[in-house]
């Protein structure tokens, strides 16, 4: 049965690869903010795999943008089966002793508030879905501290608490889980991580390599398919963090 799937931040990286991974036979709502051309390429790839693609632009750092996105989805479908809250980003690195108020607001708006708001707004659509579920994108940065990315780590840590709370509140109808990517080779790192830091992380990773977006996309698919998991965060990081 075809699923209606909304993926935020789906123009590049993890979101784009997840859209491709879930494309066959499904209807994918591809959200983007500024990267329209890459999003169009993702939509074409979805269509090539016998999926149906919808492109929707919105700025999820604002309540208005979140509401506009959900309204656009509602205009095209009466239900959602999957919400993947993937949109997020580090924005820029800063030391914990040099926090900037506007940066904190920006990081939390992009990573935390958008996830919470989109979840809340999509509940009516998800309640009409078939085995509906929400997957949130967390981060390795929440697990063992992330120097120069402490604000980002804190924003993602809030998602972990929100995931558990929402899982209990929305059960038994809607499942809520999260993925916590480690170092994944996407445009995420292009402007904020030096090559030598990437090399150091790779050396410290037991599998001696970084991940690729498909590693996260297949984990998302697993959480969609397995209907006896809720309130869980799956770590995908090559062993860089173990518990």
Protein backbone atom coordinates (compact mmCIF):
# COMPACT_ATOMS: atom_id res chain seq x y z
CA UNK A 1 0.00 0.00 0.00
CA UNK A 2 1.32 3.42 -0.96
CA UNK A 3 2.47 5.61 1.90
CA UNK A 4 2.28 9.38 2.15
CA UNK A 5 5.63 10.55 3.52
CA UNK A 6 6.75 14.06 4.47
CA UNK A 7 10.49 14.64 4.74
CA UNK A 8 11.75 18.01 5.91
CA UNK A 9 15.12 19.23 4.68
CA UNK A 10 14.99 16.80 1.77
CA UNK A 11 16.94 18.64 -0.91
CA UNK A 12 20.39 17.28 0.00
CA UNK A 13 22.19 14.84 2.28
CA UNK A 14 20.24 12.53 4.58
CA UNK A 15 16.83 13.90 3.63
CA UNK A 16 17.47 13.54 -0.08
CA UNK A 17 18.78 10.00 0.25
CA UNK A 18 15.84 9.02 2.46
CA UNK A 19 13.44 10.33 -0.17
CA UNK A 20 15.15 8.16 -2.77
CA UNK A 21 15.22 5.15 -0.45
CA UNK A 22 11.51 5.39 0.31
CA UNK A 23 10.43 6.39 -3.20
CA UNK A 24 9.23 3.14 -4.82
CA UNK A 25 5.44 3.10 -4.83
CA UNK A 26 5.12 5.93 -2.31
CA UNK A 27 4.08 9.58 -2.35
CA UNK A 28 6.94 11.76 -1.06
CA UNK A 29 6.50 15.36 0.06
CA UNK A 30 9.94 16.92 -0.39
CA UNK A 31 10.44 19.99 1.74
CA UNK A 32 13.25 22.45 1.06
CA UNK A 33 14.06 25.99 2.07
CA UNK A 34 16.66 27.60 -0.20
CA UNK A 35 17.95 24.69 -2.33
CA UNK A 36 15.28 24.48 -5.01
CA UNK A 37 17.37 22.99 -7.83
CA UNK A 38 18.78 20.10 -5.74
CA UNK A 39 15.24 19.45 -4.49
CA UNK A 40 14.00 19.22 -8.07
CA UNK A 41 16.67 16.62 -8.80
CA UNK A 42 15.51 14.60 -5.79
CA UNK A 43 11.93 14.83 -7.04
CA UNK A 44 13.00 13.56 -10.46
CA UNK A 45 14.80 10.63 -8.83
CA UNK A 46 11.68 9.78 -6.82
CA UNK A 47 9.56 9.79 -9.97
CA UNK A 48 12.06 7.57 -11.78
CA UNK A 49 11.56 4.95 -9.05
CA UNK A 50 7.79 4.81 -9.52
CA UNK A 51 7.15 7.24 -6.69
CA UNK A 52 5.14 10.44 -6.68
CA UNK A 53 6.94 13.62 -5.63
CA UNK A 54 5.70 16.98 -4.37
CA UNK A 55 8.07 19.91 -3.85
CA UNK A 56 7.21 22.36 -1.07
CA UNK A 57 9.28 25.36 0.01
CA UNK A 58 9.09 26.71 3.55
CA UNK A 59 11.26 28.31 6.22
CA UNK A 60 10.85 26.02 9.23
CA UNK A 61 12.66 28.37 11.60
CA UNK A 62 9.36 30.25 11.94
CA UNK A 63 5.92 29.17 13.09
CA UNK A 64 4.48 30.73 9.94
CA UNK A 65 6.74 28.59 7.78
CA UNK A 66 5.84 25.39 9.62
CA UNK A 67 2.13 26.13 9.31
CA UNK A 68 2.52 26.95 5.62
CA UNK A 69 4.26 23.63 4.96
CA UNK A 70 1.59 21.59 6.72
CA UNK A 71 -1.15 23.51 4.94
CA UNK A 72 0.50 22.77 1.58
CA UNK A 73 0.64 19.08 2.45
CA UNK A 74 -2.99 19.15 3.63
CA UNK A 75 -4.01 20.67 0.30
CA UNK A 76 -2.65 17.57 -1.45
CA UNK A 77 -3.55 14.73 0.90
CA UNK A 78 -5.98 13.92 3.68
CA UNK A 79 -3.47 11.83 5.63
CA UNK A 80 0.18 11.19 6.37
CA UNK A 81 1.75 7.84 7.17
CA UNK A 82 5.27 9.07 7.92
CA UNK A 83 6.81 12.33 9.11
CA UNK A 84 10.61 12.47 9.03
CA UNK A 85 11.72 15.59 10.90
CA UNK A 86 15.10 15.84 9.24
CA UNK A 87 15.64 19.58 8.77
CA UNK A 88 18.50 20.95 10.86
CA UNK A 89 22.04 22.21 10.86
CA UNK A 90 24.97 23.37 12.94
CA UNK A 91 24.97 26.89 11.40
CA UNK A 92 28.41 27.75 12.82
CA UNK A 93 30.77 26.56 15.51
CA UNK A 94 31.36 28.45 18.73
CA UNK A 95 32.84 27.71 22.15
CA UNK A 96 30.57 27.13 25.12
CA UNK A 97 32.16 30.16 26.77
CA UNK A 98 31.25 32.39 23.85
CA UNK A 99 27.53 31.73 23.40
CA UNK A 100 25.69 34.22 21.28
CA UNK A 101 22.00 34.74 22.08
CA UNK A 102 20.91 35.16 18.48
CA UNK A 103 22.87 32.05 17.45
CA UNK A 104 21.25 30.02 20.22
CA UNK A 105 17.82 31.13 19.04
CA UNK A 106 18.69 30.30 15.43
CA UNK A 107 20.10 26.84 16.24
CA UNK A 108 17.16 25.86 18.44
CA UNK A 109 14.62 27.23 15.95
CA UNK A 110 16.12 25.20 13.11
CA UNK A 111 16.78 21.96 14.97
CA UNK A 112 14.37 21.78 17.91
CA UNK A 113 11.44 24.14 17.53
CA UNK A 114 10.82 23.07 13.93
CA UNK A 115 10.71 19.40 14.95
CA UNK A 116 8.34 20.09 17.83
CA UNK A 117 6.09 22.35 15.79
CA UNK A 118 5.94 20.06 12.76
CA UNK A 119 5.12 17.12 14.97
CA UNK A 120 2.27 19.00 16.63
CA UNK A 121 0.83 20.29 13.38
CA UNK A 122 1.02 16.94 11.59
CA UNK A 123 -0.76 14.90 14.26
CA UNK A 124 -4.24 15.30 12.70
CA UNK A 125 -2.91 14.04 9.36
CA UNK A 126 -0.98 11.19 10.98
CA UNK A 127 -4.00 10.06 12.99
CA UNK A 128 -5.68 9.29 9.66
CA UNK A 129 -2.64 7.39 8.36
CA UNK A 130 -1.89 3.68 8.12
CA UNK A 131 0.47 2.55 10.93
CA UNK A 132 1.64 6.17 11.24
CA UNK A 133 5.02 7.07 12.63
CA UNK A 134 7.31 10.01 13.24
CA UNK A 135 11.10 9.83 13.00
CA UNK A 136 13.18 12.70 14.37
CA UNK A 137 16.79 13.41 13.42
CA UNK A 138 19.01 13.69 16.49
CA UNK A 139 22.83 13.53 16.55
CA UNK A 140 25.94 11.90 17.94
CA UNK A 141 26.62 15.35 19.42
CA UNK A 142 24.12 14.54 22.18
CA UNK A 143 25.98 11.44 23.32
CA UNK A 144 29.44 12.44 24.49
CA UNK A 145 29.75 16.18 24.12
CA UNK A 146 30.73 18.06 21.02
CA UNK A 147 33.28 20.85 21.57
CA UNK A 148 32.48 23.91 19.41
CA UNK A 149 29.07 22.33 18.66
CA UNK A 150 27.71 22.45 22.19
CA UNK A 151 24.71 24.60 21.28
CA UNK A 152 23.84 22.25 18.44
CA UNK A 153 24.28 19.24 20.73
CA UNK A 154 21.96 20.77 23.30
CA UNK A 155 19.35 21.48 20.63
CA UNK A 156 19.52 17.89 19.45
CA UNK A 157 19.45 16.54 23.01
CA UNK A 158 16.10 18.26 23.48
CA UNK A 159 14.83 16.21 20.56
CA UNK A 160 15.66 13.03 22.47
CA UNK A 161 13.47 14.09 25.39
CA UNK A 162 10.73 15.26 23.04
CA UNK A 163 10.83 11.94 21.18
CA UNK A 164 10.23 9.93 24.37
CA UNK A 165 7.51 12.23 25.62
CA UNK A 166 5.70 12.30 22.29
CA UNK A 167 6.01 8.50 21.97
CA UNK A 168 4.13 8.06 25.24
CA UNK A 169 1.55 10.74 24.51
CA UNK A 170 0.75 9.58 20.98
CA UNK A 171 0.71 5.82 21.66
CA UNK A 172 -0.82 3.52 20.68
CA UNK A 173 -1.85 5.12 17.38
CA UNK A 174 1.34 6.99 16.39
CA UNK A 175 4.86 5.72 16.99
CA UNK A 176 7.70 8.21 17.55
CA UNK A 177 11.39 7.36 17.23
CA UNK A 178 14.67 9.06 16.35
CA UNK A 179 17.93 8.40 14.57
CA UNK A 180 21.23 9.78 15.85
CA UNK A 181 23.72 10.01 12.97
CA UNK A 182 27.43 10.05 13.62
CA UNK A 183 29.82 11.61 11.11
CA UNK A 184 27.96 11.34 7.82
CA UNK A 185 29.53 12.69 4.65
CA UNK A 186 27.00 15.27 3.53
CA UNK A 187 27.03 19.03 2.78
CA UNK A 188 26.43 19.47 6.54
CA UNK A 189 30.20 19.47 7.16
CA UNK A 190 31.29 21.50 4.12
CA UNK A 191 31.36 24.88 5.85
CA UNK A 192 31.76 23.93 9.51
CA UNK A 193 34.27 21.05 9.76
CA UNK A 194 37.93 21.09 8.77
CA UNK A 195 39.45 18.18 6.87
CA UNK A 196 41.86 17.38 9.70
CA UNK A 197 38.95 17.09 12.15
CA UNK A 198 37.20 14.65 9.84
CA UNK A 199 40.39 12.61 9.66
CA UNK A 200 40.67 12.56 13.45
CA UNK A 201 37.11 11.36 13.86
CA UNK A 202 37.70 8.66 11.28
CA UNK A 203 40.81 7.45 13.12
CA UNK A 204 38.79 7.27 16.36
CA UNK A 205 35.92 5.36 14.77
CA UNK A 206 36.18 1.56 15.25
CA UNK A 207 35.03 0.94 11.67
CA UNK A 208 37.68 3.42 10.44
CA UNK A 209 35.34 5.17 8.03
CA UNK A 210 32.62 7.76 7.95
CA UNK A 211 29.00 7.08 7.15
CA UNK A 212 26.99 7.96 4.08
CA UNK A 213 23.40 9.22 3.86
CA UNK A 214 22.16 5.76 2.87
CA UNK A 215 23.22 4.44 6.27
CA UNK A 216 20.69 6.78 7.86
CA UNK A 217 18.03 6.33 5.19
CA UNK A 218 17.95 2.57 5.71
CA UNK A 219 17.67 3.08 9.47
CA UNK A 220 14.67 5.36 8.89
CA UNK A 221 13.11 2.69 6.67
CA UNK A 222 13.68 0.11 9.41
CA UNK A 223 11.86 2.29 11.94
CA UNK A 224 8.96 2.71 9.52
CA UNK A 225 8.71 -1.03 8.86
CA UNK A 226 9.08 -2.28 12.43
CA UNK A 227 5.83 -1.40 14.18
CA UNK A 228 6.91 -2.59 17.65
CA UNK A 229 9.45 0.17 18.31
CA UNK A 230 8.58 3.51 19.83
CA UNK A 231 10.40 6.05 22.01
CA UNK A 232 13.78 4.78 20.79
CA UNK A 233 16.81 6.56 19.37
CA UNK A 234 19.00 4.48 17.07
CA UNK A 235 22.70 5.40 16.94
CA UNK A 236 24.35 5.05 13.52
CA UNK A 237 27.97 6.09 13.93
CA UNK A 238 30.40 3.28 13.09
CA UNK A 239 31.04 2.63 16.77
CA UNK A 240 32.24 6.13 17.60
CA UNK A 241 29.73 5.99 20.45
CA UNK A 242 28.58 2.75 22.06
CA UNK A 243 26.16 2.15 24.93
